[in-house]
Amino acid sequence: MIDFYTWSTPNGRKVSIMLEECGLDYTAHAIDISKDEQFAPAFLKIAPNNRIPAIVDTDNGLSLFESGAILQYLAQKTGKFWAPEGEAHWRTTEWLMWQMGGAGPMLGQVHHFVKFNKGKAVYAEERYAKEALRLYGVLDRRLAEAEYVAGEYSIADMSIWPWISRFEWQNIDLNDFPSVLRWYKAIADRPAVQRGYHVPIEQPAGIPAP
């Protein structure tokens, strides 16, 4: 059993999708970041950085924070969605790191400056909107040569897809990136992704349609 502490954000959805894809038993605990629940002392013991998601594996008492580390842990625990060695292992790792170090932080800045604080910092809006277009271009070129980012469907796709699912927040037209659009639809059609998208609370609008 996995105790899963999360909220309805891209980083949280990475892990809920993985849990659903693996068929692991888990209990979702909502941490409402709009109410600063991530700063509660009890949560701090599990997540020293005061950020969701975090897990506790009750099989062994191990707690983990940071979504990328959690994905790798669950992949090793189940033997799914991350090749144990060879090129596929490293392709998955590099694209997971691309999301953790680039796409996630940069698209998060687009959300902050373009969606939620538009007009307060024009330079920042332009900078991060431009970077979003560049990152979509990187992803589109990769997906023009591979069905999924590491070849086979993997934790790298699960890491990237929830950020791309907020394309509207980023003022991105997916039709401008046909390979990303094809990949986005294919993943959105997966039943486990559809279930994981609604953890920990049901989203009335569902998965955004391009």
N, C-alpha and C. Protein backbone atom coordinates (compact mmCIF):
# COMPACT_ATOMS: atom_id res chain seq x y z
N MET A 1 0.85 -1.20 0.00
CA MET A 1 0.00 0.00 0.00
C MET A 1 0.88 1.24 0.00
N ILE A 2 0.52 2.21 -0.84
CA ILE A 2 1.22 3.48 -0.91
C ILE A 2 0.31 4.57 -0.36
N ASP A 3 0.79 5.32 0.63
CA ASP A 3 0.12 6.55 1.04
C ASP A 3 0.67 7.67 0.16
N PHE A 4 -0.23 8.33 -0.56
CA PHE A 4 0.14 9.28 -1.59
C PHE A 4 -0.42 10.65 -1.23
N TYR A 5 0.47 11.60 -1.05
CA TYR A 5 0.10 12.96 -0.65
C TYR A 5 0.23 13.86 -1.87
N THR A 6 -0.87 14.51 -2.26
CA THR A 6 -0.87 15.15 -3.57
C THR A 6 -1.91 16.24 -3.68
N TRP A 7 -1.86 16.95 -4.79
CA TRP A 7 -2.88 17.92 -5.18
C TRP A 7 -3.01 17.88 -6.69
N SER A 8 -4.00 18.59 -7.22
CA SER A 8 -4.30 18.52 -8.67
C SER A 8 -3.38 19.45 -9.46
N THR A 9 -2.12 19.07 -9.53
CA THR A 9 -1.10 19.81 -10.27
C THR A 9 -0.39 18.85 -11.20
N PRO A 10 0.37 19.36 -12.17
CA PRO A 10 1.14 18.45 -13.03
C PRO A 10 2.07 17.53 -12.25
N ASN A 11 2.76 18.05 -11.24
CA ASN A 11 3.68 17.19 -10.50
C ASN A 11 2.94 16.10 -9.74
N GLY A 12 1.78 16.43 -9.19
CA GLY A 12 0.99 15.40 -8.52
C GLY A 12 0.47 14.37 -9.50
N ARG A 13 0.04 14.83 -10.66
CA ARG A 13 -0.56 13.90 -11.64
C ARG A 13 0.46 12.92 -12.22
N LYS A 14 1.72 13.31 -12.27
CA LYS A 14 2.73 12.35 -12.73
C LYS A 14 2.62 11.06 -11.92
N VAL A 15 2.55 11.23 -10.60
CA VAL A 15 2.59 10.07 -9.72
C VAL A 15 1.25 9.34 -9.70
N SER A 16 0.14 10.06 -9.70
CA SER A 16 -1.16 9.38 -9.70
C SER A 16 -1.33 8.56 -10.98
N ILE A 17 -0.84 9.08 -12.11
CA ILE A 17 -0.90 8.32 -13.36
C ILE A 17 -0.04 7.06 -13.26
N MET A 18 1.15 7.19 -12.71
CA MET A 18 2.02 6.02 -12.55
C MET A 18 1.41 4.98 -11.64
N LEU A 19 0.83 5.41 -10.53
CA LEU A 19 0.19 4.47 -9.62
C LEU A 19 -0.94 3.72 -10.31
N GLU A 20 -1.72 4.44 -11.11
CA GLU A 20 -2.82 3.80 -11.84
C GLU A 20 -2.29 2.87 -12.93
N GLU A 21 -1.26 3.29 -13.63
CA GLU A 21 -0.70 2.46 -14.70
C GLU A 21 -0.13 1.15 -14.13
N CYS A 22 0.45 1.23 -12.94
CA CYS A 22 1.06 0.04 -12.33
C CYS A 22 0.05 -0.83 -11.60
N GLY A 23 -1.14 -0.28 -11.36
CA GLY A 23 -2.14 -1.04 -10.63
C GLY A 23 -1.82 -1.23 -9.16
N LEU A 24 -1.04 -0.32 -8.60
CA LEU A 24 -0.67 -0.42 -7.18
C LEU A 24 -1.82 0.06 -6.29
N ASP A 25 -1.95 -0.59 -5.15
CA ASP A 25 -2.91 -0.12 -4.16
C ASP A 25 -2.36 1.15 -3.50
N TYR A 26 -3.19 2.18 -3.44
CA TYR A 26 -2.74 3.41 -2.79
C TYR A 26 -3.93 4.15 -2.20
N THR A 27 -3.61 4.98 -1.23
CA THR A 27 -4.58 5.89 -0.65
C THR A 27 -4.11 7.31 -0.91
N ALA A 28 -4.94 8.11 -1.56
CA ALA A 28 -4.59 9.49 -1.86
C ALA A 28 -5.01 10.40 -0.71
N HIS A 29 -4.09 11.24 -0.28
CA HIS A 29 -4.35 12.22 0.76
C HIS A 29 -4.22 13.61 0.13
N ALA A 30 -5.30 14.35 0.09
CA ALA A 30 -5.28 15.67 -0.54
C ALA A 30 -4.53 16.67 0.33
N ILE A 31 -3.56 17.34 -0.28
CA ILE A 31 -2.82 18.43 0.37
C ILE A 31 -3.16 19.69 -0.41
N ASP A 32 -4.08 20.47 0.09
CA ASP A 32 -4.58 21.64 -0.63
C ASP A 32 -3.57 22.77 -0.54
N ILE A 33 -2.82 22.95 -1.62
CA ILE A 33 -1.76 23.97 -1.60
C ILE A 33 -2.33 25.38 -1.63
N SER A 34 -3.60 25.53 -2.05
CA SER A 34 -4.22 26.86 -2.02
C SER A 34 -4.50 27.32 -0.58
N LYS A 35 -4.46 26.35 0.35
CA LYS A 35 -4.66 26.66 1.77
C LYS A 35 -3.38 26.48 2.57
N ASP A 36 -2.24 26.35 1.88
CA ASP A 36 -0.93 26.19 2.51
C ASP A 36 -0.82 24.94 3.36
N GLU A 37 -1.59 23.90 3.01
CA GLU A 37 -1.54 22.67 3.80
C GLU A 37 -0.19 21.96 3.66
N GLN A 38 0.58 22.32 2.64
CA GLN A 38 1.89 21.70 2.46
C GLN A 38 2.90 22.13 3.52
N PHE A 39 2.53 23.17 4.28
CA PHE A 39 3.43 23.64 5.33
C PHE A 39 3.09 23.06 6.71
N ALA A 40 2.12 22.17 6.76
CA ALA A 40 1.76 21.54 8.03
C ALA A 40 2.93 20.71 8.56
N PRO A 41 3.18 20.75 9.87
CA PRO A 41 4.32 20.00 10.43
C PRO A 41 4.29 18.51 10.10
N ALA A 42 3.12 17.90 10.06
CA ALA A 42 3.04 16.47 9.77
C ALA A 42 3.51 16.18 8.35
N PHE A 43 3.14 17.07 7.42
CA PHE A 43 3.57 16.87 6.04
C PHE A 43 5.07 17.14 5.89
N LEU A 44 5.59 18.08 6.63
CA LEU A 44 7.01 18.41 6.57
C LEU A 44 7.88 17.21 6.91
N LYS A 45 7.40 16.34 7.78
CA LYS A 45 8.17 15.15 8.14
C LYS A 45 8.33 14.21 6.95
N ILE A 46 7.37 14.26 6.02
CA ILE A 46 7.41 13.40 4.84
C ILE A 46 8.09 14.10 3.68
N ALA A 47 7.84 15.40 3.55
CA ALA A 47 8.33 16.18 2.42
C ALA A 47 9.10 17.39 2.94
N PRO A 48 10.41 17.27 3.16
CA PRO A 48 11.19 18.35 3.77
C PRO A 48 11.19 19.65 2.97
N ASN A 49 10.84 19.58 1.67
CA ASN A 49 10.80 20.78 0.83
C ASN A 49 9.42 21.42 0.78
N ASN A 50 8.47 20.89 1.57
CA ASN A 50 7.11 21.44 1.61
C ASN A 50 6.45 21.50 0.24
N ARG A 51 6.65 20.48 -0.55
CA ARG A 51 6.05 20.43 -1.88
C ARG A 51 5.41 19.06 -2.10
N ILE A 52 4.28 19.08 -2.82
CA ILE A 52 3.71 17.80 -3.24
C ILE A 52 4.34 17.44 -4.58
N PRO A 53 4.36 16.15 -4.92
CA PRO A 53 3.81 15.00 -4.21
C PRO A 53 4.85 14.38 -3.27
N ALA A 54 4.34 13.49 -2.44
CA ALA A 54 5.20 12.67 -1.58
C ALA A 54 4.48 11.35 -1.36
N ILE A 55 5.25 10.33 -1.04
CA ILE A 55 4.66 9.02 -0.77
C ILE A 55 5.28 8.41 0.48
N VAL A 56 4.54 7.50 1.07
CA VAL A 56 5.07 6.59 2.08
C VAL A 56 4.68 5.19 1.64
N ASP A 57 5.68 4.33 1.45
CA ASP A 57 5.44 2.94 1.08
C ASP A 57 5.29 2.15 2.38
N THR A 58 4.08 1.73 2.68
CA THR A 58 3.84 1.05 3.95
C THR A 58 4.41 -0.37 3.96
N ASP A 59 4.85 -0.86 2.81
CA ASP A 59 5.52 -2.16 2.78
C ASP A 59 6.84 -2.13 3.52
N ASN A 60 7.52 -0.98 3.46
CA ASN A 60 8.85 -0.91 4.07
C ASN A 60 9.08 0.37 4.89
N GLY A 61 8.06 1.24 4.96
CA GLY A 61 8.18 2.47 5.74
C GLY A 61 8.94 3.59 5.06
N LEU A 62 9.35 3.38 3.81
CA LEU A 62 10.13 4.40 3.11
C LEU A 62 9.25 5.57 2.69
N SER A 63 9.71 6.79 2.97
CA SER A 63 9.02 7.98 2.49
C SER A 63 9.90 8.65 1.44
N LEU A 64 9.25 9.26 0.45
CA LEU A 64 9.96 9.92 -0.63
C LEU A 64 9.23 11.18 -1.04
N PHE A 65 10.00 12.22 -1.36
CA PHE A 65 9.45 13.40 -2.00
C PHE A 65 10.20 13.61 -3.31
N GLU A 66 9.78 14.56 -4.11
CA GLU A 66 10.26 14.86 -5.46
C GLU A 66 9.67 13.85 -6.45
N SER A 67 8.89 14.39 -7.38
CA SER A 67 8.11 13.54 -8.29
C SER A 67 8.98 12.63 -9.14
N GLY A 68 10.11 13.13 -9.62
CA GLY A 68 10.98 12.29 -10.46
C GLY A 68 11.53 11.11 -9.68
N ALA A 69 11.95 11.34 -8.45
CA ALA A 69 12.45 10.25 -7.61
C ALA A 69 11.35 9.23 -7.33
N ILE A 70 10.13 9.72 -7.10
CA ILE A 70 9.01 8.81 -6.83
C ILE A 70 8.72 7.95 -8.05
N LEU A 71 8.73 8.53 -9.25
CA LEU A 71 8.50 7.75 -10.46
C LEU A 71 9.57 6.67 -10.61
N GLN A 72 10.82 7.01 -10.38
CA GLN A 72 11.88 6.02 -10.49
C GLN A 72 11.71 4.91 -9.44
N TYR A 73 11.33 5.28 -8.25
CA TYR A 73 11.14 4.29 -7.19
C TYR A 73 10.01 3.32 -7.56
N LEU A 74 8.89 3.87 -8.00
CA LEU A 74 7.76 3.00 -8.35
C LEU A 74 8.08 2.12 -9.54
N ALA A 75 8.85 2.65 -10.48
CA ALA A 75 9.25 1.84 -11.64
C ALA A 75 10.14 0.68 -11.21
N GLN A 76 11.07 0.94 -10.30
CA GLN A 76 11.93 -0.14 -9.80
C GLN A 76 11.15 -1.12 -8.95
N LYS A 77 10.22 -0.61 -8.16
CA LYS A 77 9.42 -1.48 -7.28
C LYS A 77 8.59 -2.47 -8.10
N THR A 78 8.04 -1.98 -9.22
CA THR A 78 7.13 -2.82 -10.00
C THR A 78 7.78 -3.45 -11.23
N GLY A 79 8.94 -2.96 -11.63
CA GLY A 79 9.57 -3.45 -12.85
C GLY A 79 8.87 -2.98 -14.11
N LYS A 80 8.18 -1.83 -14.02
CA LYS A 80 7.39 -1.35 -15.15
C LYS A 80 7.80 0.06 -15.56
N PHE A 81 7.73 0.31 -16.86
CA PHE A 81 7.81 1.66 -17.45
C PHE A 81 9.19 2.32 -17.32
N TRP A 82 10.23 1.54 -17.03
CA TRP A 82 11.60 2.05 -17.04
C TRP A 82 12.53 0.86 -17.27
N ALA A 83 13.07 0.76 -18.46
CA ALA A 83 13.97 -0.35 -18.77
C ALA A 83 15.12 -0.37 -17.77
N PRO A 84 15.50 -1.53 -17.26
CA PRO A 84 16.53 -1.59 -16.22
C PRO A 84 17.94 -1.28 -16.70
N GLU A 85 18.15 -1.34 -17.99
CA GLU A 85 19.50 -1.10 -18.51
C GLU A 85 19.43 -0.77 -19.99
N GLY A 86 20.57 -0.45 -20.56
CA GLY A 86 20.66 -0.23 -22.00
C GLY A 86 20.19 1.16 -22.42
N GLU A 87 20.08 1.35 -23.73
CA GLU A 87 19.73 2.66 -24.27
C GLU A 87 18.36 3.13 -23.79
N ALA A 88 17.39 2.22 -23.73
CA ALA A 88 16.04 2.61 -23.32
C ALA A 88 16.05 3.17 -21.90
N HIS A 89 16.89 2.60 -21.04
CA HIS A 89 17.02 3.10 -19.67
C HIS A 89 17.49 4.55 -19.68
N TRP A 90 18.52 4.82 -20.47
CA TRP A 90 19.10 6.16 -20.47
C TRP A 90 18.28 7.15 -21.26
N ARG A 91 17.57 6.72 -22.29
CA ARG A 91 16.65 7.62 -22.98
C ARG A 91 15.53 8.05 -22.03
N THR A 92 15.01 7.12 -21.28
CA THR A 92 13.98 7.47 -20.30
C THR A 92 14.52 8.44 -19.27
N THR A 93 15.73 8.17 -18.79
CA THR A 93 16.33 9.03 -17.77
C THR A 93 16.57 10.43 -18.29
N GLU A 94 17.09 10.55 -19.51
CA GLU A 94 17.40 11.89 -20.02
C GLU A 94 16.14 12.72 -20.23
N TRP A 95 15.08 12.10 -20.71
CA TRP A 95 13.84 12.86 -20.92
C TRP A 95 13.12 13.15 -19.61
N LEU A 96 13.26 12.27 -18.64
CA LEU A 96 12.75 12.58 -17.30
C LEU A 96 13.49 13.79 -16.73
N MET A 97 14.80 13.82 -16.89
CA MET A 97 15.59 14.95 -16.40
C MET A 97 15.27 16.23 -17.19
N TRP A 98 14.99 16.08 -18.48
CA TRP A 98 14.59 17.24 -19.30
C TRP A 98 13.33 17.87 -18.72
N GLN A 99 12.40 17.04 -18.32
CA GLN A 99 11.18 17.59 -17.73
C GLN A 99 11.46 18.21 -16.36
N MET A 100 12.20 17.51 -15.54
CA MET A 100 12.44 17.99 -14.18
C MET A 100 13.24 19.29 -14.17
N GLY A 101 14.23 19.40 -15.07
CA GLY A 101 15.11 20.55 -15.05
C GLY A 101 14.72 21.66 -16.01
N GLY A 102 13.88 21.34 -17.00
CA GLY A 102 13.55 22.33 -18.02
C GLY A 102 12.07 22.57 -18.18
N ALA A 103 11.37 21.60 -18.75
CA ALA A 103 9.96 21.82 -19.11
C ALA A 103 9.10 22.17 -17.90
N GLY A 104 9.26 21.45 -16.80
CA GLY A 104 8.44 21.74 -15.63
C GLY A 104 8.68 23.13 -15.06
N PRO A 105 9.92 23.45 -14.69
CA PRO A 105 10.17 24.79 -14.13
C PRO A 105 9.82 25.93 -15.09
N MET A 106 10.15 25.78 -16.36
CA MET A 106 9.91 26.88 -17.30
C MET A 106 8.42 27.06 -17.59
N LEU A 107 7.71 25.96 -17.80
CA LEU A 107 6.27 26.09 -18.04
C LEU A 107 5.56 26.57 -16.78
N GLY A 108 6.09 26.21 -15.62
CA GLY A 108 5.55 26.74 -14.37
C GLY A 108 5.69 28.25 -14.29
N GLN A 109 6.77 28.79 -14.82
CA GLN A 109 6.94 30.24 -14.86
C GLN A 109 5.96 30.89 -15.83
N VAL A 110 5.65 30.20 -16.92
CA VAL A 110 4.61 30.71 -17.83
C VAL A 110 3.28 30.81 -17.08
N HIS A 111 2.95 29.78 -16.32
CA HIS A 111 1.70 29.82 -15.55
C HIS A 111 1.70 31.02 -14.60
N HIS A 112 2.83 31.23 -13.93
CA HIS A 112 2.90 32.30 -12.93
C HIS A 112 2.78 33.69 -13.58
N PHE A 113 3.55 33.93 -14.62
CA PHE A 113 3.61 35.28 -15.18
C PHE A 113 2.54 35.56 -16.24
N VAL A 114 2.21 34.55 -17.05
CA VAL A 114 1.30 34.78 -18.18
C VAL A 114 -0.15 34.54 -17.79
N LYS A 115 -0.41 33.46 -17.04
CA LYS A 115 -1.80 33.16 -16.68
C LYS A 115 -2.26 33.94 -15.45
N PHE A 116 -1.46 33.90 -14.38
CA PHE A 116 -1.93 34.42 -13.11
C PHE A 116 -1.52 35.86 -12.81
N ASN A 117 -0.49 36.36 -13.47
CA ASN A 117 -0.01 37.71 -13.17
C ASN A 117 0.25 38.51 -14.43
N LYS A 118 -0.61 38.36 -15.40
CA LYS A 118 -0.41 39.01 -16.68
C LYS A 118 -0.38 40.53 -16.52
N GLY A 119 0.59 41.17 -17.18
CA GLY A 119 0.71 42.62 -17.16
C GLY A 119 1.60 43.16 -16.06
N LYS A 120 2.05 42.30 -15.15
CA LYS A 120 2.88 42.77 -14.05
C LYS A 120 4.37 42.79 -14.40
N ALA A 121 4.77 41.94 -15.35
CA ALA A 121 6.18 41.85 -15.71
C ALA A 121 6.27 41.42 -17.18
N VAL A 122 6.22 42.39 -18.06
CA VAL A 122 6.18 42.11 -19.49
C VAL A 122 7.42 41.34 -19.94
N TYR A 123 8.57 41.73 -19.43
CA TYR A 123 9.80 41.03 -19.81
C TYR A 123 9.72 39.55 -19.45
N ALA A 124 9.26 39.24 -18.25
CA ALA A 124 9.14 37.85 -17.82
C ALA A 124 8.13 37.10 -18.67
N GLU A 125 7.01 37.74 -18.98
CA GLU A 125 6.01 37.10 -19.84
C GLU A 125 6.62 36.71 -21.18
N GLU A 126 7.33 37.65 -21.79
CA GLU A 126 7.92 37.39 -23.10
C GLU A 126 9.01 36.32 -23.02
N ARG A 127 9.81 36.40 -21.97
CA ARG A 127 10.91 35.45 -21.81
C ARG A 127 10.39 34.02 -21.69
N TYR A 128 9.43 33.80 -20.80
CA TYR A 128 8.97 32.44 -20.54
C TYR A 128 8.03 31.93 -21.63
N ALA A 129 7.27 32.82 -22.25
CA ALA A 129 6.44 32.39 -23.38
C ALA A 129 7.32 31.92 -24.54
N LYS A 130 8.41 32.63 -24.77
CA LYS A 130 9.35 32.23 -25.82
C LYS A 130 10.00 30.89 -25.49
N GLU A 131 10.37 30.72 -24.22
CA GLU A 131 10.97 29.46 -23.81
C GLU A 131 9.98 28.30 -23.92
N ALA A 132 8.71 28.55 -23.65
CA ALA A 132 7.69 27.51 -23.81
C ALA A 132 7.64 27.04 -25.26
N LEU A 133 7.65 27.97 -26.19
CA LEU A 133 7.64 27.61 -27.62
C LEU A 133 8.88 26.79 -27.98
N ARG A 134 10.02 27.18 -27.44
CA ARG A 134 11.24 26.43 -27.72
C ARG A 134 11.14 24.99 -27.20
N LEU A 135 10.65 24.84 -25.96
CA LEU A 135 10.52 23.51 -25.37
C LEU A 135 9.53 22.64 -26.14
N TYR A 136 8.43 23.21 -26.55
CA TYR A 136 7.47 22.46 -27.37
C TYR A 136 8.12 22.02 -28.68
N GLY A 137 8.96 22.88 -29.22
CA GLY A 137 9.67 22.51 -30.44
C GLY A 137 10.63 21.35 -30.23
N VAL A 138 11.34 21.36 -29.11
CA VAL A 138 12.23 20.25 -28.77
C VAL A 138 11.44 18.95 -28.69
N LEU A 139 10.33 18.99 -27.96
CA LEU A 139 9.51 17.80 -27.79
C LEU A 139 8.91 17.35 -29.12
N ASP A 140 8.48 18.29 -29.94
CA ASP A 140 7.88 17.93 -31.22
C ASP A 140 8.89 17.23 -32.14
N ARG A 141 10.11 17.72 -32.15
CA ARG A 141 11.14 17.09 -32.99
C ARG A 141 11.44 15.68 -32.51
N ARG A 142 11.49 15.49 -31.20
CA ARG A 142 11.74 14.15 -30.69
C ARG A 142 10.60 13.20 -31.06
N LEU A 143 9.37 13.68 -30.90
CA LEU A 143 8.22 12.81 -31.15
C LEU A 143 7.94 12.61 -32.64
N ALA A 144 8.61 13.37 -33.48
CA ALA A 144 8.53 13.12 -34.92
C ALA A 144 9.31 11.87 -35.32
N GLU A 145 10.23 11.45 -34.45
CA GLU A 145 11.07 10.29 -34.76
C GLU A 145 10.83 9.11 -33.82
N ALA A 146 9.99 9.30 -32.82
CA ALA A 146 9.72 8.22 -31.87
C ALA A 146 8.26 8.30 -31.42
N GLU A 147 7.64 7.13 -31.20
CA GLU A 147 6.24 7.12 -30.79
C GLU A 147 6.07 7.77 -29.42
N TYR A 148 6.97 7.45 -28.49
CA TYR A 148 7.01 8.05 -27.17
C TYR A 148 8.42 8.59 -26.96
N VAL A 149 8.61 9.41 -25.94
CA VAL A 149 9.88 10.14 -25.86
C VAL A 149 11.10 9.23 -25.71
N ALA A 150 10.93 8.07 -25.05
CA ALA A 150 12.04 7.14 -24.91
C ALA A 150 11.90 5.94 -25.82
N GLY A 151 11.00 6.02 -26.79
CA GLY A 151 10.73 4.91 -27.70
C GLY A 151 9.47 4.19 -27.27
N GLU A 152 9.53 3.53 -26.12
CA GLU A 152 8.37 2.89 -25.52
C GLU A 152 7.77 3.82 -24.46
N TYR A 153 6.47 3.65 -24.21
CA TYR A 153 5.79 4.42 -23.16
C TYR A 153 6.49 4.19 -21.83
N SER A 154 6.78 5.28 -21.10
CA SER A 154 7.61 5.16 -19.91
C SER A 154 7.29 6.25 -18.90
N ILE A 155 8.01 6.21 -17.79
CA ILE A 155 7.85 7.25 -16.78
C ILE A 155 8.23 8.63 -17.32
N ALA A 156 9.02 8.68 -18.38
CA ALA A 156 9.35 9.98 -18.98
C ALA A 156 8.10 10.62 -19.56
N ASP A 157 7.29 9.84 -20.27
CA ASP A 157 6.03 10.36 -20.82
C ASP A 157 5.09 10.79 -19.70
N MET A 158 5.02 9.97 -18.64
CA MET A 158 4.13 10.30 -17.52
C MET A 158 4.57 11.58 -16.83
N SER A 159 5.87 11.86 -16.87
CA SER A 159 6.38 13.07 -16.26
C SER A 159 6.07 14.30 -17.09
N ILE A 160 6.18 14.18 -18.40
CA ILE A 160 6.01 15.33 -19.30
C ILE A 160 4.55 15.63 -19.58
N TRP A 161 3.75 14.61 -19.80
CA TRP A 161 2.38 14.80 -20.28
C TRP A 161 1.53 15.72 -19.40
N PRO A 162 1.56 15.59 -18.07
CA PRO A 162 0.71 16.50 -17.26
C PRO A 162 1.03 17.98 -17.45
N TRP A 163 2.28 18.29 -17.75
CA TRP A 163 2.62 19.69 -18.03
C TRP A 163 2.07 20.13 -19.38
N ILE A 164 2.12 19.24 -20.35
CA ILE A 164 1.58 19.58 -21.67
C ILE A 164 0.07 19.68 -21.61
N SER A 165 -0.56 18.97 -20.68
CA SER A 165 -2.03 19.02 -20.57
C SER A 165 -2.52 20.39 -20.12
N ARG A 166 -1.61 21.26 -19.73
CA ARG A 166 -1.97 22.64 -19.42
C ARG A 166 -1.55 23.60 -20.53
N PHE A 167 -1.61 23.10 -21.75
CA PHE A 167 -1.23 23.91 -22.92
C PHE A 167 -2.02 25.21 -22.99
N GLU A 168 -3.27 25.19 -22.57
CA GLU A 168 -4.09 26.41 -22.62
C GLU A 168 -3.53 27.48 -21.68
N TRP A 169 -3.02 27.07 -20.53
CA TRP A 169 -2.43 28.01 -19.59
C TRP A 169 -1.18 28.65 -20.19
N GLN A 170 -0.56 27.94 -21.12
CA GLN A 170 0.70 28.38 -21.71
C GLN A 170 0.50 29.11 -23.05
N ASN A 171 -0.78 29.33 -23.42
CA ASN A 171 -1.12 29.96 -24.71
C ASN A 171 -0.51 29.22 -25.90
N ILE A 172 -0.52 27.89 -25.81
CA ILE A 172 0.03 27.04 -26.86
C ILE A 172 -1.10 26.43 -27.67
N ASP A 173 -0.98 26.50 -28.99
CA ASP A 173 -1.89 25.81 -29.89
C ASP A 173 -1.21 24.50 -30.29
N LEU A 174 -1.73 23.38 -29.84
CA LEU A 174 -1.10 22.10 -30.12
C LEU A 174 -1.08 21.77 -31.61
N ASN A 175 -1.94 22.40 -32.39
CA ASN A 175 -1.92 22.16 -33.83
C ASN A 175 -0.62 22.66 -34.47
N ASP A 176 0.08 23.55 -33.76
CA ASP A 176 1.37 24.03 -34.26
C ASP A 176 2.49 23.01 -34.03
N PHE A 177 2.18 21.96 -33.26
CA PHE A 177 3.17 20.94 -32.92
C PHE A 177 2.52 19.57 -33.16
N PRO A 178 2.43 19.15 -34.43
CA PRO A 178 1.64 17.97 -34.78
C PRO A 178 2.09 16.67 -34.10
N SER A 179 3.37 16.52 -33.88
CA SER A 179 3.84 15.29 -33.23
C SER A 179 3.49 15.29 -31.75
N VAL A 180 3.58 16.45 -31.12
CA VAL A 180 3.15 16.57 -29.73
C VAL A 180 1.64 16.30 -29.64
N LEU A 181 0.89 16.82 -30.57
CA LEU A 181 -0.56 16.62 -30.58
C LEU A 181 -0.91 15.14 -30.69
N ARG A 182 -0.25 14.43 -31.59
CA ARG A 182 -0.49 12.99 -31.75
C ARG A 182 -0.20 12.25 -30.46
N TRP A 183 0.94 12.55 -29.84
CA TRP A 183 1.36 11.92 -28.58
C TRP A 183 0.41 12.29 -27.44
N TYR A 184 0.03 13.55 -27.37
CA TYR A 184 -0.87 14.01 -26.31
C TYR A 184 -2.19 13.23 -26.35
N LYS A 185 -2.76 13.09 -27.53
CA LYS A 185 -4.04 12.38 -27.66
C LYS A 185 -3.90 10.92 -27.29
N ALA A 186 -2.81 10.29 -27.73
CA ALA A 186 -2.61 8.87 -27.45
C ALA A 186 -2.53 8.62 -25.95
N ILE A 187 -1.84 9.47 -25.23
CA ILE A 187 -1.73 9.29 -23.78
C ILE A 187 -3.04 9.65 -23.09
N ALA A 188 -3.70 10.69 -23.54
CA ALA A 188 -4.97 11.08 -22.94
C ALA A 188 -6.02 9.99 -23.06
N ASP A 189 -5.89 9.12 -24.06
CA ASP A 189 -6.86 8.04 -24.27
C ASP A 189 -6.62 6.84 -23.36
N ARG A 190 -5.52 6.81 -22.65
CA ARG A 190 -5.21 5.66 -21.79
C ARG A 190 -6.11 5.70 -20.54
N PRO A 191 -6.79 4.61 -20.23
CA PRO A 191 -7.69 4.60 -19.07
C PRO A 191 -6.99 4.97 -17.76
N ALA A 192 -5.75 4.51 -17.56
CA ALA A 192 -5.05 4.83 -16.33
C ALA A 192 -4.75 6.32 -16.22
N VAL A 193 -4.48 6.95 -17.34
CA VAL A 193 -4.23 8.39 -17.35
C VAL A 193 -5.52 9.14 -17.02
N GLN A 194 -6.61 8.67 -17.57
CA GLN A 194 -7.89 9.31 -17.29
C GLN A 194 -8.25 9.19 -15.81
N ARG A 195 -7.95 8.05 -15.21
CA ARG A 195 -8.21 7.90 -13.77
C ARG A 195 -7.26 8.76 -12.96
N GLY A 196 -5.98 8.72 -13.29
CA GLY A 196 -4.98 9.45 -12.53
C GLY A 196 -5.15 10.95 -12.60
N TYR A 197 -5.73 11.43 -13.69
CA TYR A 197 -5.93 12.86 -13.86
C TYR A 197 -6.86 13.43 -12.79
N HIS A 198 -7.75 12.61 -12.28
CA HIS A 198 -8.78 13.07 -11.34
C HIS A 198 -8.42 12.81 -9.88
N VAL A 199 -7.15 12.53 -9.61
CA VAL A 199 -6.69 12.34 -8.22
C VAL A 199 -5.99 13.63 -7.78
N PRO A 200 -6.30 14.15 -6.60
CA PRO A 200 -7.16 13.59 -5.55
C PRO A 200 -8.61 14.05 -5.62
N ILE A 201 -8.94 14.98 -6.53
CA ILE A 201 -10.33 15.43 -6.63
C ILE A 201 -10.77 15.41 -8.09
N GLU A 202 -12.02 15.12 -8.30
CA GLU A 202 -12.59 15.07 -9.64
C GLU A 202 -12.49 16.45 -10.31
N GLN A 203 -12.04 16.44 -11.55
CA GLN A 203 -11.95 17.68 -12.32
C GLN A 203 -13.18 17.80 -13.22
N PRO A 204 -14.06 18.75 -12.96
CA PRO A 204 -15.32 18.83 -13.71
C PRO A 204 -15.14 18.92 -15.22
N ALA A 205 -14.10 19.62 -15.66
CA ALA A 205 -13.91 19.80 -17.10
C ALA A 205 -13.21 18.61 -17.75
N GLY A 206 -12.63 17.72 -16.94
CA GLY A 206 -11.92 16.59 -17.51
C GLY A 206 -10.61 16.99 -18.16
N ILE A 207 -10.03 16.05 -18.89
CA ILE A 207 -8.76 16.31 -19.58
C ILE A 207 -9.00 17.30 -20.72
N PRO A 208 -8.22 18.35 -20.81
CA PRO A 208 -8.43 19.35 -21.88
C PRO A 208 -8.29 18.73 -23.27
N ALA A 209 -9.26 19.01 -24.11
CA ALA A 209 -9.21 18.53 -25.49
C ALA A 209 -8.50 19.56 -26.36
N PRO A 210 -7.56 19.15 -27.19
CA PRO A 210 -6.83 20.09 -28.04
C PRO A 210 -7.72 20.64 -29.15
